[in-house]
Amino acid sequence: MSEEQAPGPTVATVEALVRSQMATALGGRRGMIEAGVPGILFTAVWLPTKDLQLALVLSLVAVGVAAALRLLQRGPLQYIFNALFSIGIGYLFVRIAASSGGSESDQALAFFLPGIIYSLVYTIVLFGSSFAGWPVVGFMVGSVTGDPTAWHEDKQIVKLCSRLTLLLAAPGAIGVLLQGPVWLLGWRDIVDADVAVGIIAALRYGLGWPLRIASWSAMIWLLARNATPLAQESPQEG
């Protein structure tokens, strides 16, 4: 008996893929906590004490505790490294602000600038890929089919992947639109820098993760609703 060709991935496979990719990006409930706590701790310590060094040290301590727990449980350190990298880049911007003569409030505000820049670049890439007709989510689909670009031959799949990519980009875009102006107002002393820090932190940690979860849920709903196949069957020659 000849070996039958394995059926191509179904919409359920795409749904599982998107769910898996988003779960990897978010890190689940624990990953979100590990990513968010250092920044929240930084803000919570900085606002009442105005002690920048203490805020940074306690943020690093939170990362260290999370890393120790991961190591004891032999879990992945990906989200720990993400948090550590975020703090490291934030600290670099703090030092740049300090060397430029910025006050401690300006330095605290500078700590949040890398996150805004990252979200801006991330948003531009995702929106750009969608409008160019090569949405990023399409390459996620291609990783399942084994051919990274075959999906682009099907206009229906391109349309679906474009919508999914736009949904994926939406939280970052909203974050930039809300946080960016507040940061600029604080940096130009139109708004008190401490107030700007508090608002940005509230937007990032109070609104950011709910937006990402809503985006993920909308992507799964769109996949289930449209039931778009990954590949259209070629008509048989008669």
Protein backbone atom coordinates (compact mmCIF):
# COMPACT_ATOMS: atom_id res chain seq x y z
CA MET A 1 0.00 0.00 0.00
CA SER A 2 1.51 3.31 -1.07
CA GLU A 3 2.03 5.97 1.52
CA GLU A 4 -0.75 8.53 1.34
CA GLN A 5 0.12 12.17 1.27
CA ALA A 6 -0.54 13.82 4.60
CA PRO A 7 -3.40 16.29 4.49
CA GLY A 8 -2.47 19.95 4.62
CA PRO A 9 -3.00 21.90 7.78
CA THR A 10 -6.57 22.98 8.46
CA VAL A 11 -7.97 26.19 9.90
CA ALA A 12 -7.82 24.51 13.29
CA THR A 13 -4.07 24.18 12.77
CA VAL A 14 -3.81 27.88 11.98
CA GLU A 15 -5.88 28.70 15.03
CA ALA A 16 -3.62 26.53 17.16
CA LEU A 17 -0.59 28.18 15.61
CA VAL A 18 -1.79 31.71 16.30
CA ARG A 19 -2.77 30.70 19.83
CA SER A 20 0.64 29.14 20.36
CA GLN A 21 2.52 32.12 18.93
CA MET A 22 0.57 34.60 21.02
CA ALA A 23 0.93 32.45 24.13
CA THR A 24 4.68 32.37 23.48
CA ALA A 25 4.80 36.13 23.03
CA LEU A 26 2.73 36.81 26.15
CA GLY A 27 4.25 33.97 28.15
CA GLY A 28 0.93 33.11 29.70
CA ARG A 29 -0.14 34.58 33.00
CA ARG A 30 3.25 33.98 34.59
CA GLY A 31 5.16 35.44 31.65
CA MET A 32 3.03 38.58 31.74
CA ILE A 33 3.70 38.97 35.46
CA GLU A 34 7.44 38.46 35.00
CA ALA A 35 7.51 41.03 32.20
CA GLY A 36 5.33 43.58 33.97
CA VAL A 37 6.42 43.47 37.63
CA PRO A 38 9.89 45.06 37.18
CA GLY A 39 8.41 48.11 35.42
CA ILE A 40 5.55 48.37 37.88
CA LEU A 41 8.00 48.10 40.78
CA PHE A 42 10.24 50.76 39.23
CA THR A 43 7.30 53.17 38.99
CA ALA A 44 5.93 52.32 42.44
CA VAL A 45 9.30 52.97 44.09
CA TRP A 46 10.26 56.00 42.02
CA LEU A 47 7.10 58.07 42.40
CA PRO A 48 7.08 58.31 46.23
CA THR A 49 10.87 58.19 46.87
CA LYS A 50 12.39 59.89 43.80
CA ASP A 51 15.30 57.47 44.34
CA LEU A 52 16.23 56.34 40.84
CA GLN A 53 18.98 53.94 41.89
CA LEU A 54 16.72 52.23 44.43
CA ALA A 55 13.99 51.84 41.84
CA LEU A 56 16.39 50.26 39.35
CA VAL A 57 17.96 47.96 41.95
CA LEU A 58 14.60 46.70 43.19
CA SER A 59 13.51 46.08 39.60
CA LEU A 60 16.62 43.95 39.11
CA VAL A 61 15.93 42.13 42.37
CA ALA A 62 12.45 41.25 41.09
CA VAL A 63 14.03 39.87 37.90
CA GLY A 64 16.54 37.90 39.97
CA VAL A 65 13.83 36.33 42.13
CA ALA A 66 11.82 35.35 39.06
CA ALA A 67 14.95 33.87 37.45
CA ALA A 68 15.77 31.86 40.57
CA LEU A 69 12.26 30.40 40.66
CA ARG A 70 12.48 29.50 36.98
CA LEU A 71 15.84 27.79 37.50
CA LEU A 72 14.56 25.83 40.50
CA GLN A 73 11.61 24.63 38.43
CA ARG A 74 13.79 24.16 35.34
CA GLY A 75 11.52 26.48 33.40
CA PRO A 76 12.36 28.68 30.40
CA LEU A 77 14.20 31.93 31.07
CA GLN A 78 13.02 33.69 27.91
CA TYR A 79 10.67 36.10 29.67
CA ILE A 80 13.25 36.79 32.40
CA PHE A 81 15.78 37.79 29.75
CA ASN A 82 13.15 39.98 28.07
CA ALA A 83 12.53 41.80 31.35
CA LEU A 84 16.26 42.10 32.02
CA PHE A 85 16.88 43.45 28.53
CA SER A 86 14.06 45.95 28.98
CA ILE A 87 15.55 47.21 32.25
CA GLY A 88 19.03 47.35 30.71
CA ILE A 89 17.88 49.44 27.75
CA GLY A 90 15.83 51.63 30.08
CA TYR A 91 18.88 52.19 32.27
CA LEU A 92 20.95 53.10 29.20
CA PHE A 93 18.44 55.80 28.34
CA VAL A 94 18.49 56.94 31.96
CA ARG A 95 22.27 57.40 31.75
CA ILE A 96 21.94 59.29 28.46
CA ALA A 97 19.40 61.62 30.06
CA ALA A 98 21.68 62.10 33.07
CA SER A 99 24.71 62.89 30.89
CA SER A 100 22.60 65.47 29.05
CA GLY A 101 21.89 67.28 32.30
CA GLY A 102 18.37 65.91 32.80
CA SER A 103 16.85 65.99 36.25
CA GLU A 104 15.98 62.82 38.12
CA SER A 105 12.40 63.22 36.92
CA ASP A 106 13.65 63.50 33.34
CA GLN A 107 15.75 60.38 33.86
CA ALA A 108 12.74 58.45 35.16
CA LEU A 109 10.78 59.57 32.12
CA ALA A 110 13.63 58.45 29.86
CA PHE A 111 13.34 54.95 31.35
CA PHE A 112 10.04 54.48 29.51
CA LEU A 113 11.17 55.83 26.13
CA PRO A 114 12.64 52.55 24.75
CA GLY A 115 9.30 50.80 25.19
CA ILE A 116 7.52 53.52 23.22
CA ILE A 117 10.14 53.38 20.45
CA TYR A 118 9.91 49.57 20.30
CA SER A 119 6.13 49.71 20.02
CA LEU A 120 6.39 52.32 17.26
CA VAL A 121 8.83 50.25 15.20
CA TYR A 122 6.84 47.07 15.83
CA THR A 123 3.65 48.80 14.70
CA ILE A 124 5.25 50.22 11.55
CA VAL A 125 6.63 46.80 10.57
CA LEU A 126 3.32 45.00 11.08
CA PHE A 127 1.16 47.64 9.40
CA GLY A 128 3.71 48.02 6.61
CA SER A 129 3.84 44.29 5.94
CA SER A 130 0.04 44.14 5.77
CA PHE A 131 -0.33 47.10 3.43
CA ALA A 132 2.50 45.75 1.24
CA GLY A 133 0.56 42.52 0.79
CA TRP A 134 3.03 40.37 2.73
CA PRO A 135 1.52 40.30 6.23
CA VAL A 136 3.72 38.92 8.99
CA VAL A 137 1.09 36.39 10.09
CA GLY A 138 1.29 34.85 6.62
CA PHE A 139 4.82 33.73 7.37
CA MET A 140 3.54 32.11 10.55
CA VAL A 141 1.13 30.16 8.36
CA GLY A 142 4.00 29.31 6.01
CA SER A 143 5.97 27.85 8.89
CA VAL A 144 3.21 25.27 9.32
CA THR A 145 2.82 24.36 5.65
CA GLY A 146 6.55 23.98 5.13
CA ASP A 147 6.62 26.60 2.37
CA PRO A 148 7.10 30.12 3.77
CA THR A 149 5.63 31.92 0.75
CA ALA A 150 3.12 29.52 -0.86
CA TRP A 151 0.27 31.11 1.12
CA HIS A 152 0.79 34.34 -0.84
CA GLU A 153 -0.64 32.73 -3.98
CA ASP A 154 -4.08 32.53 -2.38
CA LYS A 155 -5.73 35.97 -2.17
CA GLN A 156 -8.21 34.72 0.42
CA ILE A 157 -5.41 33.67 2.75
CA VAL A 158 -3.53 36.93 2.16
CA LYS A 159 -6.67 38.86 3.09
CA LEU A 160 -7.17 36.82 6.26
CA CYS A 161 -3.52 37.12 7.28
CA SER A 162 -3.63 40.88 6.67
CA ARG A 163 -6.56 41.22 9.06
CA LEU A 164 -4.81 39.07 11.64
CA THR A 165 -1.63 41.14 11.31
CA LEU A 166 -3.56 44.38 11.79
CA LEU A 167 -5.17 42.96 14.92
CA LEU A 168 -1.74 41.93 16.18
CA ALA A 169 -0.44 45.45 15.56
CA ALA A 170 -3.40 47.25 17.16
CA PRO A 171 -2.25 47.15 20.83
CA GLY A 172 1.15 48.61 19.97
CA ALA A 173 -0.41 51.30 17.82
CA ILE A 174 -2.85 52.30 20.57
CA GLY A 175 -0.01 52.29 23.10
CA VAL A 176 2.10 54.64 20.98
CA LEU A 177 -0.83 56.97 20.29
CA LEU A 178 -1.60 57.24 24.01
CA GLN A 179 1.85 57.10 25.60
CA GLY A 180 3.82 59.03 22.99
CA PRO A 181 2.09 62.41 23.45
CA VAL A 182 2.22 62.06 27.24
CA TRP A 183 5.95 61.37 27.09
CA LEU A 184 6.56 64.39 24.84
CA LEU A 185 4.49 66.65 27.10
CA GLY A 186 6.46 65.47 30.11
CA TRP A 187 9.81 65.81 28.37
CA ARG A 188 8.99 69.39 27.31
CA ASP A 189 7.82 70.23 30.86
CA ILE A 190 4.33 71.04 29.61
CA VAL A 191 3.17 68.34 32.01
CA ASP A 192 5.02 67.55 35.22
CA ALA A 193 7.47 64.73 34.51
CA ASP A 194 6.37 62.75 37.57
CA VAL A 195 2.75 62.97 36.44
CA ALA A 196 3.79 61.84 32.95
CA VAL A 197 5.66 58.84 34.41
CA GLY A 198 2.58 57.81 36.39
CA ILE A 199 0.27 58.15 33.38
CA ILE A 200 2.59 56.21 31.07
CA ALA A 201 3.00 53.43 33.62
CA ALA A 202 -0.77 53.24 34.10
CA LEU A 203 -1.32 53.06 30.34
CA ARG A 204 1.43 50.51 29.76
CA TYR A 205 0.66 48.09 32.56
CA GLY A 206 -3.00 48.82 33.18
CA LEU A 207 -4.10 48.95 29.56
CA GLY A 208 -1.33 47.28 27.57
CA TRP A 209 -1.87 43.66 28.58
CA PRO A 210 -5.69 43.79 28.37
CA LEU A 211 -5.31 45.18 24.84
CA ARG A 212 -2.98 42.34 23.88
CA ILE A 213 -5.33 39.73 25.29
CA ALA A 214 -8.26 41.36 23.46
CA SER A 215 -6.22 41.35 20.24
CA TRP A 216 -5.37 37.68 20.66
CA SER A 217 -9.02 36.81 21.34
CA ALA A 218 -10.16 38.75 18.28
CA MET A 219 -7.64 36.88 16.12
CA ILE A 220 -8.91 33.51 17.33
CA TRP A 221 -12.52 34.63 16.79
CA LEU A 222 -11.73 35.78 13.25
CA LEU A 223 -10.12 32.46 12.38
CA ALA A 224 -13.04 30.46 13.75
CA ARG A 225 -15.59 32.76 12.10
CA ASN A 226 -14.08 32.79 8.61
CA ALA A 227 -12.97 29.15 8.45
CA THR A 228 -10.55 30.01 5.65
CA PRO A 229 -8.60 26.95 4.43
CA LEU A 230 -4.83 27.19 4.25
CA ALA A 231 -4.76 25.86 0.71
CA GLN A 232 -7.39 25.60 -1.93
CA GLU A 233 -7.71 22.26 -3.63
CA SER A 234 -6.75 22.30 -7.26
CA PRO A 235 -9.60 21.36 -9.59
CA GLN A 236 -9.22 17.88 -11.01
CA GLU A 237 -8.72 17.66 -14.71
CA GLY A 238 -11.54 15.85 -16.45
